[in-house]
Amino acid sequence: MIDFILSLLGRKKTQPVTPQPTPPVVNTSPQPAAIVSRKVLMIVYDPIVDATTGKKLSQKMNWPRVDNLSAEFISDILETSGGLARYQIVDRVEINEFPLKADGFRYTAQSYSEVVAGTVQHHQPDLFHYDDFLQRFNILQRVGANQIDEVWVFAFPYAGLYESTMGGLGAFWCNSQPLARTFSCPRRFVIMGFSYERGIGEMLESFGHRAEATMEKVFARETPERNLWHKFVRYDKSHPGQSECGNIHFAPNSERDYDWGNMRLVNSHCDDWYQFPNLSGATRQVNANDWGNGDIRAHHKWWLKHFPKVGGRTNGISNNWWQYILDPNRLSI
């Protein structure tokens, strides 16, 4: 009846308007992608375990050399960031002792060798004594004075280190809870925990989890439609037919954690991210051949290379995600 009356009056019934998703607001100003340089304090725990020969733990176990690991890691980060992420080790300290645990326990050469041999269980609680470490090496003061920007600790299995953790005023989750009693430091900083029993791939994995935690924080206030980080990490199992780049554990076609050797072909938007912020929706079929056929280092480099690293901003967030990952002080909390 309403339609009939409106037609007599020469008016048509207004059709309901379907709301459309808000497109990303891209700032196309010529703001260049910022190069971010970080000054690193590197602490190496490598105790002498044979007093007769003077052999250190790393030598006795024939584990990789720390200086080789750190140099290759720095090179991989420089490469995958397109030259935008630059680490410099400004101080290297080697410690001839086993690190202190949070409960005051410290391994000896004998007790640690028994753990490695599997004849006794490792000490519990396992956690590294971060408070003692921060005080001993004057970390808060050195970060606050801009002498260093972050810390890398190299140790070994059962040292009790987090893969990454953050301290300083406004510190947030970085694959572990923020370090307590560090808010007197005016700058946020990250402590990376590396094991020289492992390789570059595992170092990149620790860094990848740091990147995940950081970008989750960067996009925390975005609506689902505008959360480009959540779009970036899609993989086929979680979003069938809509995979993007996946995350540090899941490649676009992975069925489970660490499934980087899967040969199943899936459609993915992964290479569209090389055109960011001008995402066209282009897809192609991908599988493990694209990211190293199961090699941990190759996959992680492939994944990191897809991170946006161009000038400008989208929805107020820099199109160079590397600046946030390397420098947590660039985040607005």
C-alpha atoms as a PDB file:
ATOM      1  CA  MET A   1       0.000   0.000   0.000  1.00  0.00           C
ATOM      2  CA  ILE A   2       2.842   2.397   0.923  1.00  0.00           C
ATOM      3  CA  ASP A   3       4.470   1.727  -2.458  1.00  0.00           C
ATOM      4  CA  PHE A   4       1.131   2.457  -4.280  1.00  0.00           C
ATOM      5  CA  ILE A   5       0.615   5.788  -2.479  1.00  0.00           C
ATOM      6  CA  LEU A   6       4.204   6.868  -3.121  1.00  0.00           C
ATOM      7  CA  SER A   7       3.809   6.054  -6.837  1.00  0.00           C
ATOM      8  CA  LEU A   8       0.721   8.304  -7.061  1.00  0.00           C
ATOM      9  CA  LEU A   9       2.748  11.136  -5.558  1.00  0.00           C
ATOM     10  CA  GLY A  10       5.561  10.554  -8.052  1.00  0.00           C
ATOM     11  CA  ARG A  11       7.923   9.346  -5.373  1.00  0.00           C
ATOM     12  CA  LYS A  12       9.716   6.067  -5.127  1.00  0.00           C
ATOM     13  CA  LYS A  13      10.378   4.080  -2.017  1.00  0.00           C
ATOM     14  CA  THR A  14      13.940   4.568  -0.842  1.00  0.00           C
ATOM     15  CA  GLN A  15      15.927   1.334  -1.045  1.00  0.00           C
ATOM     16  CA  PRO A  16      18.071   0.414   1.958  1.00  0.00           C
ATOM     17  CA  VAL A  17      21.752   1.159   1.441  1.00  0.00           C
ATOM     18  CA  THR A  18      24.139  -1.707   2.088  1.00  0.00           C
ATOM     19  CA  PRO A  19      27.063  -0.406   4.145  1.00  0.00           C
ATOM     20  CA  GLN A  20      30.424  -0.845   2.433  1.00  0.00           C
ATOM     21  CA  PRO A  21      33.657  -1.607   4.264  1.00  0.00           C
ATOM     22  CA  THR A  22      35.853   1.414   4.825  1.00  0.00           C
ATOM     23  CA  PRO A  23      38.864   1.247   2.491  1.00  0.00           C
ATOM     24  CA  PRO A  24      42.317   1.881   3.947  1.00  0.00           C
ATOM     25  CA  VAL A  25      43.309   5.522   3.989  1.00  0.00           C
ATOM     26  CA  VAL A  26      46.674   5.698   2.253  1.00  0.00           C
ATOM     27  CA  ASN A  27      48.914   8.713   2.697  1.00  0.00           C
ATOM     28  CA  THR A  28      50.724   9.057  -0.612  1.00  0.00           C
ATOM     29  CA  SER A  29      53.004  11.848   0.549  1.00  0.00           C
ATOM     30  CA  PRO A  30      56.675  11.281  -0.347  1.00  0.00           C
ATOM     31  CA  GLN A  31      57.679  10.373   3.212  1.00  0.00           C
ATOM     32  CA  PRO A  32      60.675   8.049   2.766  1.00  0.00           C
ATOM     33  CA  ALA A  33      61.000   4.710   4.516  1.00  0.00           C
ATOM     34  CA  ALA A  34      63.165   5.302   7.569  1.00  0.00           C
ATOM     35  CA  ILE A  35      66.446   3.481   8.042  1.00  0.00           C
ATOM     36  CA  VAL A  36      66.614   2.234  11.633  1.00  0.00           C
ATOM     37  CA  SER A  37      70.017   1.611  13.213  1.00  0.00           C
ATOM     38  CA  ARG A  38      70.355  -0.159  16.550  1.00  0.00           C
ATOM     39  CA  LYS A  39      73.357  -0.241  18.875  1.00  0.00           C
ATOM     40  CA  VAL A  40      73.706  -3.687  20.456  1.00  0.00           C
ATOM     41  CA  LEU A  41      75.368  -4.802  23.671  1.00  0.00           C
ATOM     42  CA  MET A  42      76.290  -8.477  23.176  1.00  0.00           C
ATOM     43  CA  ILE A  43      76.865 -10.619  26.264  1.00  0.00           C
ATOM     44  CA  VAL A  44      78.279 -14.130  25.760  1.00  0.00           C
ATOM     45  CA  TYR A  45      78.174 -16.768  28.497  1.00  0.00           C
ATOM     46  CA  ASP A  46      80.871 -19.281  27.533  1.00  0.00           C
ATOM     47  CA  PRO A  47      82.408 -20.775  30.690  1.00  0.00           C
ATOM     48  CA  ILE A  48      85.660 -22.723  30.790  1.00  0.00           C
ATOM     49  CA  VAL A  49      84.673 -26.339  31.455  1.00  0.00           C
ATOM     50  CA  ASP A  50      88.113 -27.979  31.318  1.00  0.00           C
ATOM     51  CA  ALA A  51      90.595 -26.307  33.636  1.00  0.00           C
ATOM     52  CA  THR A  52      93.482 -28.378  32.280  1.00  0.00           C
ATOM     53  CA  THR A  53      93.084 -27.400  28.635  1.00  0.00           C
ATOM     54  CA  GLY A  54      91.231 -24.127  29.147  1.00  0.00           C
ATOM     55  CA  LYS A  55      88.491 -25.283  26.788  1.00  0.00           C
ATOM     56  CA  LYS A  56      85.284 -23.310  26.844  1.00  0.00           C
ATOM     57  CA  LEU A  57      81.842 -24.903  26.704  1.00  0.00           C
ATOM     58  CA  SER A  58      81.338 -23.944  23.053  1.00  0.00           C
ATOM     59  CA  GLN A  59      84.673 -25.527  22.113  1.00  0.00           C
ATOM     60  CA  LYS A  60      84.129 -28.714  24.090  1.00  0.00           C
ATOM     61  CA  MET A  61      80.683 -29.208  22.537  1.00  0.00           C
ATOM     62  CA  ASN A  62      81.860 -28.118  19.067  1.00  0.00           C
ATOM     63  CA  TRP A  63      79.025 -25.613  18.831  1.00  0.00           C
ATOM     64  CA  PRO A  64      78.969 -22.708  16.325  1.00  0.00           C
ATOM     65  CA  ARG A  65      81.072 -19.616  16.990  1.00  0.00           C
ATOM     66  CA  VAL A  66      79.064 -16.732  18.386  1.00  0.00           C
ATOM     67  CA  ASP A  67      80.763 -14.126  16.214  1.00  0.00           C
ATOM     68  CA  ASN A  68      79.856 -16.053  13.067  1.00  0.00           C
ATOM     69  CA  LEU A  69      76.251 -16.441  14.212  1.00  0.00           C
ATOM     70  CA  SER A  70      75.845 -12.759  15.036  1.00  0.00           C
ATOM     71  CA  ALA A  71      77.474 -11.606  11.784  1.00  0.00           C
ATOM     72  CA  GLU A  72      75.251 -13.811   9.620  1.00  0.00           C
ATOM     73  CA  PHE A  73      72.148 -12.835  11.562  1.00  0.00           C
ATOM     74  CA  ILE A  74      72.909  -9.131  11.088  1.00  0.00           C
ATOM     75  CA  SER A  75      73.441  -9.795   7.380  1.00  0.00           C
ATOM     76  CA  ASP A  76      70.107 -11.634   7.067  1.00  0.00           C
ATOM     77  CA  ILE A  77      68.216  -8.819   8.785  1.00  0.00           C
ATOM     78  CA  LEU A  78      69.879  -6.231   6.553  1.00  0.00           C
ATOM     79  CA  GLU A  79      68.995  -8.267   3.453  1.00  0.00           C
ATOM     80  CA  THR A  80      65.394  -9.084   4.318  1.00  0.00           C
ATOM     81  CA  SER A  81      64.648  -5.488   5.338  1.00  0.00           C
ATOM     82  CA  GLY A  82      65.958  -4.123   2.063  1.00  0.00           C
ATOM     83  CA  GLY A  83      68.756  -2.356   3.908  1.00  0.00           C
ATOM     84  CA  LEU A  84      66.437  -0.533   6.325  1.00  0.00           C
ATOM     85  CA  ALA A  85      67.246  -2.519   9.506  1.00  0.00           C
ATOM     86  CA  ARG A  86      70.850  -2.080  10.580  1.00  0.00           C
ATOM     87  CA  TYR A  87      72.402  -3.613  13.668  1.00  0.00           C
ATOM     88  CA  GLN A  88      75.797  -2.644  15.063  1.00  0.00           C
ATOM     89  CA  ILE A  89      77.442  -4.452  17.967  1.00  0.00           C
ATOM     90  CA  VAL A  90      79.018  -1.630  19.971  1.00  0.00           C
ATOM     91  CA  ASP A  91      80.145  -3.695  22.959  1.00  0.00           C
ATOM     92  CA  ARG A  92      80.926  -7.405  23.326  1.00  0.00           C
ATOM     93  CA  VAL A  93      81.414  -8.958  26.762  1.00  0.00           C
ATOM     94  CA  GLU A  94      82.337 -12.614  27.289  1.00  0.00           C
ATOM     95  CA  ILE A  95      81.602 -14.162  30.684  1.00  0.00           C
ATOM     96  CA  ASN A  96      83.515 -17.156  32.034  1.00  0.00           C
ATOM     97  CA  GLU A  97      80.630 -18.532  34.079  1.00  0.00           C
ATOM     98  CA  PHE A  98      77.232 -20.155  33.942  1.00  0.00           C
ATOM     99  CA  PRO A  99      74.404 -17.612  34.267  1.00  0.00           C
ATOM    100  CA  LEU A 100      72.595 -17.124  37.538  1.00  0.00           C
ATOM    101  CA  LYS A 101      69.073 -18.518  37.822  1.00  0.00           C
ATOM    102  CA  ALA A 102      66.194 -16.512  39.296  1.00  0.00           C
ATOM    103  CA  ASP A 103      66.287 -18.623  42.492  1.00  0.00           C
ATOM    104  CA  GLY A 104      70.056 -18.165  42.963  1.00  0.00           C
ATOM    105  CA  PHE A 105      71.146 -21.489  41.454  1.00  0.00           C
ATOM    106  CA  ARG A 106      74.153 -21.640  39.144  1.00  0.00           C
ATOM    107  CA  TYR A 107      75.425 -24.681  37.242  1.00  0.00           C
ATOM    108  CA  THR A 108      79.002 -25.873  37.569  1.00  0.00           C
ATOM    109  CA  ALA A 109      80.895 -27.510  34.717  1.00  0.00           C
ATOM    110  CA  GLN A 110      80.232 -30.901  36.312  1.00  0.00           C
ATOM    111  CA  SER A 111      76.525 -30.409  37.027  1.00  0.00           C
ATOM    112  CA  TYR A 112      75.887 -28.990  33.571  1.00  0.00           C
ATOM    113  CA  SER A 113      77.703 -31.851  31.849  1.00  0.00           C
ATOM    114  CA  GLU A 114      75.429 -34.288  33.697  1.00  0.00           C
ATOM    115  CA  VAL A 115      72.357 -32.442  32.408  1.00  0.00           C
ATOM    116  CA  VAL A 116      73.654 -32.435  28.829  1.00  0.00           C
ATOM    117  CA  ALA A 117      74.483 -36.148  29.107  1.00  0.00           C
ATOM    118  CA  GLY A 118      70.937 -36.818  30.296  1.00  0.00           C
ATOM    119  CA  THR A 119      71.971 -38.461  33.561  1.00  0.00           C
ATOM    120  CA  VAL A 120      70.154 -35.835  35.659  1.00  0.00           C
ATOM    121  CA  GLN A 121      67.224 -33.491  35.044  1.00  0.00           C
ATOM    122  CA  HIS A 122      67.895 -29.828  34.403  1.00  0.00           C
ATOM    123  CA  HIS A 123      67.373 -27.413  37.263  1.00  0.00           C
ATOM    124  CA  GLN A 124      63.901 -26.059  37.983  1.00  0.00           C
ATOM    125  CA  PRO A 125      62.915 -23.265  38.031  1.00  0.00           C
ATOM    126  CA  ASP A 126      64.870 -22.708  34.841  1.00  0.00           C
ATOM    127  CA  LEU A 127      64.452 -18.926  34.510  1.00  0.00           C
ATOM    128  CA  PHE A 128      67.469 -16.662  34.004  1.00  0.00           C
ATOM    129  CA  HIS A 129      67.945 -14.000  36.721  1.00  0.00           C
ATOM    130  CA  TYR A 130      67.045 -10.901  34.708  1.00  0.00           C
ATOM    131  CA  ASP A 131      67.123  -8.518  37.686  1.00  0.00           C
ATOM    132  CA  ASP A 132      70.696  -9.482  38.537  1.00  0.00           C
ATOM    133  CA  PHE A 133      71.706  -9.263  34.874  1.00  0.00           C
ATOM    134  CA  LEU A 134      70.227  -5.785  34.415  1.00  0.00           C
ATOM    135  CA  GLN A 135      71.995  -4.487  37.499  1.00  0.00           C
ATOM    136  CA  ARG A 136      75.326  -6.173  36.817  1.00  0.00           C
ATOM    137  CA  PHE A 137      75.651  -4.753  33.317  1.00  0.00           C
ATOM    138  CA  ASN A 138      74.050  -1.388  34.075  1.00  0.00           C
ATOM    139  CA  ILE A 139      71.492  -1.968  31.328  1.00  0.00           C
ATOM    140  CA  LEU A 140      68.816   0.549  32.327  1.00  0.00           C
ATOM    141  CA  GLN A 141      71.302   3.383  32.657  1.00  0.00           C
ATOM    142  CA  ARG A 142      73.051   2.562  29.377  1.00  0.00           C
ATOM    143  CA  VAL A 143      69.776   2.366  27.455  1.00  0.00           C
ATOM    144  CA  GLY A 144      68.546   5.574  29.078  1.00  0.00           C
ATOM    145  CA  ALA A 145      71.754   7.351  28.068  1.00  0.00           C
ATOM    146  CA  ASN A 146      71.431   6.152  24.437  1.00  0.00           C
ATOM    147  CA  GLN A 147      74.689   4.215  24.701  1.00  0.00           C
ATOM    148  CA  ILE A 148      72.896   1.033  23.619  1.00  0.00           C
ATOM    149  CA  ASP A 149      69.462   0.285  22.155  1.00  0.00           C
ATOM    150  CA  GLU A 150      69.092  -3.434  22.817  1.00  0.00           C
ATOM    151  CA  VAL A 151      70.892  -6.436  24.286  1.00  0.00           C
ATOM    152  CA  TRP A 152      71.735  -9.829  22.819  1.00  0.00           C
ATOM    153  CA  VAL A 153      72.554 -12.615  25.259  1.00  0.00           C
ATOM    154  CA  PHE A 154      74.210 -15.729  23.857  1.00  0.00           C
ATOM    155  CA  ALA A 155      74.117 -18.826  26.014  1.00  0.00           C
ATOM    156  CA  PHE A 156      73.197 -22.502  25.673  1.00  0.00           C
ATOM    157  CA  PRO A 157      70.429 -25.031  26.436  1.00  0.00           C
ATOM    158  CA  TYR A 158      68.945 -24.673  29.949  1.00  0.00           C
ATOM    159  CA  ALA A 159      70.266 -21.140  30.400  1.00  0.00           C
ATOM    160  CA  GLY A 160      66.660 -20.073  31.054  1.00  0.00           C
ATOM    161  CA  LEU A 161      66.506 -17.144  28.640  1.00  0.00           C
ATOM    162  CA  TYR A 162      63.367 -15.905  26.931  1.00  0.00           C
ATOM    163  CA  GLU A 163      63.646 -15.752  23.136  1.00  0.00           C
ATOM    164  CA  SER A 164      62.866 -12.067  23.524  1.00  0.00           C
ATOM    165  CA  THR A 165      61.644  -9.833  26.299  1.00  0.00           C
ATOM    166  CA  MET A 166      61.106  -6.088  26.664  1.00  0.00           C
ATOM    167  CA  GLY A 167      61.860  -3.579  29.392  1.00  0.00           C
ATOM    168  CA  GLY A 168      61.595   0.163  29.908  1.00  0.00           C
ATOM    169  CA  LEU A 169      58.735   2.620  30.338  1.00  0.00           C
ATOM    170  CA  GLY A 170      55.712   1.374  28.403  1.00  0.00           C
ATOM    171  CA  ALA A 171      57.191  -2.067  27.696  1.00  0.00           C
ATOM    172  CA  PHE A 172      54.694  -4.570  26.304  1.00  0.00           C
ATOM    173  CA  TRP A 173      54.422  -8.289  25.600  1.00  0.00           C
ATOM    174  CA  CYS A 174      57.329  -9.381  23.382  1.00  0.00           C
ATOM    175  CA  ASN A 175      56.946 -13.171  23.375  1.00  0.00           C
ATOM    176  CA  SER A 176      57.151 -12.893  27.178  1.00  0.00           C
ATOM    177  CA  GLN A 177      55.847 -10.588  29.873  1.00  0.00           C
ATOM    178  CA  PRO A 178      57.543  -7.175  30.163  1.00  0.00           C
ATOM    179  CA  LEU A 179      60.497  -7.100  32.527  1.00  0.00           C
ATOM    180  CA  ALA A 180      59.441  -5.997  35.990  1.00  0.00           C
ATOM    181  CA  ARG A 181      61.195  -3.136  37.768  1.00  0.00           C
ATOM    182  CA  THR A 182      62.497  -1.558  34.553  1.00  0.00           C
ATOM    183  CA  PHE A 183      60.060   1.339  34.122  1.00  0.00           C
ATOM    184  CA  SER A 184      62.607   3.810  35.510  1.00  0.00           C
ATOM    185  CA  CYS A 185      64.281   3.548  32.097  1.00  0.00           C
ATOM    186  CA  PRO A 186      62.634   6.150  29.818  1.00  0.00           C
ATOM    187  CA  ARG A 187      63.173   4.076  26.646  1.00  0.00           C
ATOM    188  CA  ARG A 188      61.823   0.672  25.691  1.00  0.00           C
ATOM    189  CA  PHE A 189      64.433  -1.953  24.868  1.00  0.00           C
ATOM    190  CA  VAL A 190      64.508  -5.614  23.875  1.00  0.00           C
ATOM    191  CA  ILE A 191      66.724  -8.370  25.243  1.00  0.00           C
ATOM    192  CA  MET A 192      67.156 -11.205  22.756  1.00  0.00           C
ATOM    193  CA  GLY A 193      68.059 -14.645  24.113  1.00  0.00           C
ATOM    194  CA  PHE A 194      70.069 -16.700  21.609  1.00  0.00           C
ATOM    195  CA  SER A 195      71.632 -20.146  21.909  1.00  0.00           C
ATOM    196  CA  TYR A 196      74.963 -20.832  20.226  1.00  0.00           C
ATOM    197  CA  GLU A 197      74.034 -24.515  20.233  1.00  0.00           C
ATOM    198  CA  ARG A 198      71.588 -23.651  17.440  1.00  0.00           C
ATOM    199  CA  GLY A 199      71.862 -21.874  14.090  1.00  0.00           C
ATOM    200  CA  ILE A 200      70.847 -18.732  12.209  1.00  0.00           C
ATOM    201  CA  GLY A 201      67.393 -20.154  11.492  1.00  0.00           C
ATOM    202  CA  GLU A 202      66.588 -20.370  15.190  1.00  0.00           C
ATOM    203  CA  MET A 203      67.865 -16.824  15.715  1.00  0.00           C
ATOM    204  CA  LEU A 204      65.526 -15.641  12.964  1.00  0.00           C
ATOM    205  CA  GLU A 205      62.697 -17.561  14.611  1.00  0.00           C
ATOM    206  CA  SER A 206      63.256 -15.716  17.888  1.00  0.00           C
ATOM    207  CA  PHE A 207      63.331 -12.458  15.942  1.00  0.00           C
ATOM    208  CA  GLY A 208      60.175 -13.503  14.073  1.00  0.00           C
ATOM    209  CA  HIS A 209      58.253 -13.952  17.311  1.00  0.00           C
ATOM    210  CA  ARG A 210      59.459 -10.510  18.375  1.00  0.00           C
ATOM    211  CA  ALA A 211      58.152  -9.142  15.066  1.00  0.00           C
ATOM    212  CA  GLU A 212      54.787 -10.862  15.566  1.00  0.00           C
ATOM    213  CA  ALA A 213      54.370  -9.436  19.071  1.00  0.00           C
ATOM    214  CA  THR A 214      55.394  -5.958  17.943  1.00  0.00           C
ATOM    215  CA  MET A 215      53.068  -5.816  14.951  1.00  0.00           C
ATOM    216  CA  GLU A 216      50.203  -7.184  17.035  1.00  0.00           C
ATOM    217  CA  LYS A 217      50.709  -4.180  19.309  1.00  0.00           C
ATOM    218  CA  VAL A 218      51.012  -1.745  16.370  1.00  0.00           C
ATOM    219  CA  PHE A 219      47.619  -2.812  14.988  1.00  0.00           C
ATOM    220  CA  ALA A 220      45.913  -3.438  18.349  1.00  0.00           C
ATOM    221  CA  ARG A 221      43.507  -0.494  17.978  1.00  0.00           C
ATOM    222  CA  GLU A 222      42.513  -1.192  14.378  1.00  0.00           C
ATOM    223  CA  THR A 223      39.103  -2.564  13.425  1.00  0.00           C
ATOM    224  CA  PRO A 224      39.070  -6.051  11.869  1.00  0.00           C
ATOM    225  CA  GLU A 225      38.578  -4.548   8.400  1.00  0.00           C
ATOM    226  CA  ARG A 226      41.610  -2.259   8.805  1.00  0.00           C
ATOM    227  CA  ASN A 227      43.918  -4.701  10.581  1.00  0.00           C
ATOM    228  CA  LEU A 228      46.494  -5.307   7.875  1.00  0.00           C
ATOM    229  CA  TRP A 229      48.668  -7.350  10.219  1.00  0.00           C
ATOM    230  CA  HIS A 230      45.916  -9.919  10.716  1.00  0.00           C
ATOM    231  CA  LYS A 231      45.556 -10.012   6.935  1.00  0.00           C
ATOM    232  CA  PHE A 232      49.300 -10.502   6.432  1.00  0.00           C
ATOM    233  CA  VAL A 233      49.500 -13.574   8.707  1.00  0.00           C
ATOM    234  CA  ARG A 234      46.623 -15.525   7.161  1.00  0.00           C
ATOM    235  CA  TYR A 235      47.399 -19.064   6.007  1.00  0.00           C
ATOM    236  CA  ASP A 236      45.247 -21.581   4.177  1.00  0.00           C
ATOM    237  CA  LYS A 237      44.364 -23.730   7.175  1.00  0.00           C
ATOM    238  CA  SER A 238      43.013 -20.742   9.135  1.00  0.00           C
ATOM    239  CA  HIS A 239      41.554 -18.935   6.087  1.00  0.00           C
ATOM    240  CA  PRO A 240      40.853 -21.486   3.320  1.00  0.00           C
ATOM    241  CA  GLY A 241      41.456 -19.962  -0.098  1.00  0.00           C
ATOM    242  CA  GLN A 242      42.591 -16.644   1.446  1.00  0.00           C
ATOM    243  CA  SER A 243      46.174 -17.307   2.479  1.00  0.00           C
ATOM    244  CA  GLU A 244      48.633 -14.435   2.538  1.00  0.00           C
ATOM    245  CA  CYS A 245      52.134 -14.811   4.043  1.00  0.00           C
ATOM    246  CA  GLY A 246      51.381 -16.893   7.128  1.00  0.00           C
ATOM    247  CA  ASN A 247      53.321 -16.476  10.350  1.00  0.00           C
ATOM    248  CA  ILE A 248      56.706 -17.575  11.656  1.00  0.00           C
ATOM    249  CA  HIS A 249      55.417 -21.109  12.382  1.00  0.00           C
ATOM    250  CA  PHE A 250      52.919 -21.511   9.536  1.00  0.00           C
ATOM    251  CA  ALA A 251      53.771 -21.031   5.859  1.00  0.00           C
ATOM    252  CA  PRO A 252      50.797 -20.289   3.571  1.00  0.00           C
ATOM    253  CA  ASN A 253      50.112 -24.021   3.089  1.00  0.00           C
ATOM    254  CA  SER A 254      51.204 -25.429   6.469  1.00  0.00           C
ATOM    255  CA  GLU A 255      48.993 -27.992   8.186  1.00  0.00           C
ATOM    256  CA  ARG A 256      50.732 -27.718  11.561  1.00  0.00           C
ATOM    257  CA  ASP A 257      53.486 -25.803  13.389  1.00  0.00           C
ATOM    258  CA  TYR A 258      56.896 -25.874  11.664  1.00  0.00           C
ATOM    259  CA  ASP A 259      55.402 -27.489   8.552  1.00  0.00           C
ATOM    260  CA  TRP A 260      57.668 -25.546   6.185  1.00  0.00           C
ATOM    261  CA  GLY A 261      58.313 -28.474   3.833  1.00  0.00           C
ATOM    262  CA  ASN A 262      54.712 -29.035   2.733  1.00  0.00           C
ATOM    263  CA  MET A 263      54.445 -29.491  -1.048  1.00  0.00           C
ATOM    264  CA  ARG A 264      50.671 -28.966  -1.202  1.00  0.00           C
ATOM    265  CA  LEU A 265      49.818 -26.171  -3.639  1.00  0.00           C
ATOM    266  CA  VAL A 266      47.542 -23.390  -2.372  1.00  0.00           C
ATOM    267  CA  ASN A 267      46.458 -20.045  -3.755  1.00  0.00           C
ATOM    268  CA  SER A 268      48.130 -17.197  -1.903  1.00  0.00           C
ATOM    269  CA  HIS A 269      48.233 -13.399  -1.991  1.00  0.00           C
ATOM    270  CA  CYS A 270      51.764 -13.465  -0.553  1.00  0.00           C
ATOM    271  CA  ASP A 271      53.544 -11.742  -3.436  1.00  0.00           C
ATOM    272  CA  ASP A 272      50.930  -8.981  -3.485  1.00  0.00           C
ATOM    273  CA  TRP A 273      52.661  -7.673  -0.347  1.00  0.00           C
ATOM    274  CA  TYR A 274      55.667  -6.696  -2.449  1.00  0.00           C
ATOM    275  CA  GLN A 275      53.359  -4.013  -3.920  1.00  0.00           C
ATOM    276  CA  PHE A 276      52.184  -2.680  -0.543  1.00  0.00           C
ATOM    277  CA  PRO A 277      50.256  -0.459   0.036  1.00  0.00           C
ATOM    278  CA  ASN A 278      48.788  -0.978  -3.440  1.00  0.00           C
ATOM    279  CA  LEU A 279      47.362  -4.434  -2.805  1.00  0.00           C
ATOM    280  CA  SER A 280      45.586  -5.661  -5.938  1.00  0.00           C
ATOM    281  CA  GLY A 281      44.377  -9.025  -4.659  1.00  0.00           C
ATOM    282  CA  ALA A 282      46.600 -10.916  -7.106  1.00  0.00           C
ATOM    283  CA  THR A 283      47.191 -14.568  -6.256  1.00  0.00           C
ATOM    284  CA  ARG A 284      49.365 -17.416  -7.396  1.00  0.00           C
ATOM    285  CA  GLN A 285      49.888 -21.012  -6.343  1.00  0.00           C
ATOM    286  CA  VAL A 286      52.701 -21.584  -3.862  1.00  0.00           C
ATOM    287  CA  ASN A 287      54.260 -24.437  -1.919  1.00  0.00           C
ATOM    288  CA  ALA A 288      57.488 -25.281  -0.111  1.00  0.00           C
ATOM    289  CA  ASN A 289      59.515 -24.736  -3.275  1.00  0.00           C
ATOM    290  CA  ASP A 290      58.952 -21.017  -2.719  1.00  0.00           C
ATOM    291  CA  TRP A 291      60.479 -20.874   0.777  1.00  0.00           C
ATOM    292  CA  GLY A 292      63.281 -23.424   0.901  1.00  0.00           C
ATOM    293  CA  ASN A 293      61.657 -26.861   1.056  1.00  0.00           C
ATOM    294  CA  GLY A 294      61.593 -27.086   4.827  1.00  0.00           C
ATOM    295  CA  ASP A 295      64.795 -25.195   5.616  1.00  0.00           C
ATOM    296  CA  ILE A 296      64.108 -23.054   8.690  1.00  0.00           C
ATOM    297  CA  ARG A 297      66.427 -20.202   7.742  1.00  0.00           C
ATOM    298  CA  ALA A 298      65.167 -20.053   4.150  1.00  0.00           C
ATOM    299  CA  HIS A 299      61.520 -19.933   5.232  1.00  0.00           C
ATOM    300  CA  HIS A 300      62.103 -17.232   7.818  1.00  0.00           C
ATOM    301  CA  LYS A 301      64.021 -15.054   5.356  1.00  0.00           C
ATOM    302  CA  TRP A 302      61.239 -15.531   2.784  1.00  0.00           C
ATOM    303  CA  TRP A 303      58.649 -14.485   5.373  1.00  0.00           C
ATOM    304  CA  LEU A 304      60.572 -11.438   6.585  1.00  0.00           C
ATOM    305  CA  LYS A 305      61.191 -10.243   3.023  1.00  0.00           C
ATOM    306  CA  HIS A 306      57.435  -9.815   2.582  1.00  0.00           C
ATOM    307  CA  PHE A 307      57.158  -7.255   5.400  1.00  0.00           C
ATOM    308  CA  PRO A 308      56.201  -3.807   4.031  1.00  0.00           C
ATOM    309  CA  LYS A 309      59.202  -1.487   3.778  1.00  0.00           C
ATOM    310  CA  VAL A 310      58.167   1.560   1.774  1.00  0.00           C
ATOM    311  CA  GLY A 311      57.441   5.221   2.476  1.00  0.00           C
ATOM    312  CA  GLY A 312      54.171   6.800   3.533  1.00  0.00           C
ATOM    313  CA  ARG A 313      51.448   5.732   5.937  1.00  0.00           C
ATOM    314  CA  THR A 314      48.248   3.701   5.760  1.00  0.00           C
ATOM    315  CA  ASN A 315      45.554   4.498   8.338  1.00  0.00           C
ATOM    316  CA  GLY A 316      48.210   6.454  10.229  1.00  0.00           C
ATOM    317  CA  ILE A 317      50.575   3.470  10.480  1.00  0.00           C
ATOM    318  CA  SER A 318      53.949   3.575   8.753  1.00  0.00           C
ATOM    319  CA  ASN A 319      54.277   1.523   5.574  1.00  0.00           C
ATOM    320  CA  ASN A 320      57.727   0.555   6.818  1.00  0.00           C
ATOM    321  CA  TRP A 321      56.952  -2.056   9.454  1.00  0.00           C
ATOM    322  CA  TRP A 322      60.640  -2.609  10.172  1.00  0.00           C
ATOM    323  CA  GLN A 323      60.906   0.666  12.058  1.00  0.00           C
ATOM    324  CA  TYR A 324      58.517  -0.666  14.706  1.00  0.00           C
ATOM    325  CA  ILE A 325      60.137  -4.097  14.941  1.00  0.00           C
ATOM    326  CA  LEU A 326      63.618  -2.705  15.514  1.00  0.00           C
ATOM    327  CA  ASP A 327      62.615   0.311  17.594  1.00  0.00           C
ATOM    328  CA  PRO A 328      59.655  -0.248  19.946  1.00  0.00           C
ATOM    329  CA  ASN A 329      59.875   3.408  20.979  1.00  0.00           C
ATOM    330  CA  ARG A 330      58.245   4.335  17.663  1.00  0.00           C
ATOM    331  CA  LEU A 331      54.950   2.807  18.781  1.00  0.00           C
ATOM    332  CA  SER A 332      52.263   5.013  20.277  1.00  0.00           C
ATOM    333  CA  ILE A 333      50.972   3.252  23.383  1.00  0.00           C
END
